[in-house]
Amino acid sequence: MAEIIFRVHFADGTKLDIPAANAKAAGEAGENRNPSKITKIKRVRG
């Protein structure tokens, strides 16, 4: 299964693009990179 790029938004205003199999995995990877609370996760299209 190909990885999809997800944009993870944090409460401190930071945004990270993270390749993952699904949104849950992207959120878990985002939590490991930034201690701030995740506000939303969106799929990057294109």
Protein backbone atom coordinates (compact mmCIF):
# COMPACT_ATOMS: atom_id res chain seq x y z
CA MET A 1 0.00 0.00 0.00
CA ALA A 2 1.39 3.40 -0.98
CA GLU A 3 1.91 6.04 1.65
CA ILE A 4 -0.23 9.16 1.49
CA ILE A 5 0.97 12.63 2.51
CA PHE A 6 -0.96 14.10 5.45
CA ARG A 7 -0.64 17.65 6.75
CA VAL A 8 -0.76 17.62 10.55
CA HIS A 9 -1.75 20.94 12.17
CA PHE A 10 -0.78 21.75 15.75
CA ALA A 11 -2.19 24.21 18.31
CA ASP A 12 1.05 26.23 18.28
CA GLY A 13 0.59 26.98 14.55
CA THR A 14 3.12 24.44 13.28
CA LYS A 15 2.23 22.32 10.25
CA LEU A 16 4.07 19.15 9.25
CA ASP A 17 3.68 17.07 6.09
CA ILE A 18 4.00 13.43 7.09
CA PRO A 19 3.86 10.38 4.78
CA ALA A 20 1.77 7.61 6.34
CA ALA A 21 -0.58 4.77 5.46
CA ASN A 22 -3.55 6.47 7.17
CA ALA A 23 -4.49 9.54 9.23
CA LYS A 24 -4.13 7.73 12.55
CA ALA A 25 -0.53 6.75 11.74
CA ALA A 26 0.20 10.33 10.64
CA GLY A 27 -1.16 11.63 13.95
CA GLU A 28 1.00 9.23 15.92
CA ALA A 29 4.09 10.27 13.95
CA GLY A 30 3.18 13.93 14.48
CA GLU A 31 2.90 13.44 18.23
CA ASN A 32 6.45 12.08 18.25
CA ARG A 33 7.78 15.16 16.38
CA ASN A 34 5.91 17.98 18.16
CA PRO A 35 4.65 18.01 21.77
CA SER A 36 1.87 20.51 20.98
CA LYS A 37 -1.76 19.32 20.68
CA ILE A 38 -2.88 18.22 17.20
CA THR A 39 -5.82 20.32 16.00
CA LYS A 40 -6.46 18.62 12.64
CA ILE A 41 -5.07 16.18 10.11
CA LYS A 42 -5.80 16.60 6.41
CA ARG A 43 -4.79 14.65 3.33
CA VAL A 44 -2.60 16.58 0.89
CA ARG A 45 -4.00 16.28 -2.61
CA GLY A 46 -2.04 16.60 -5.78
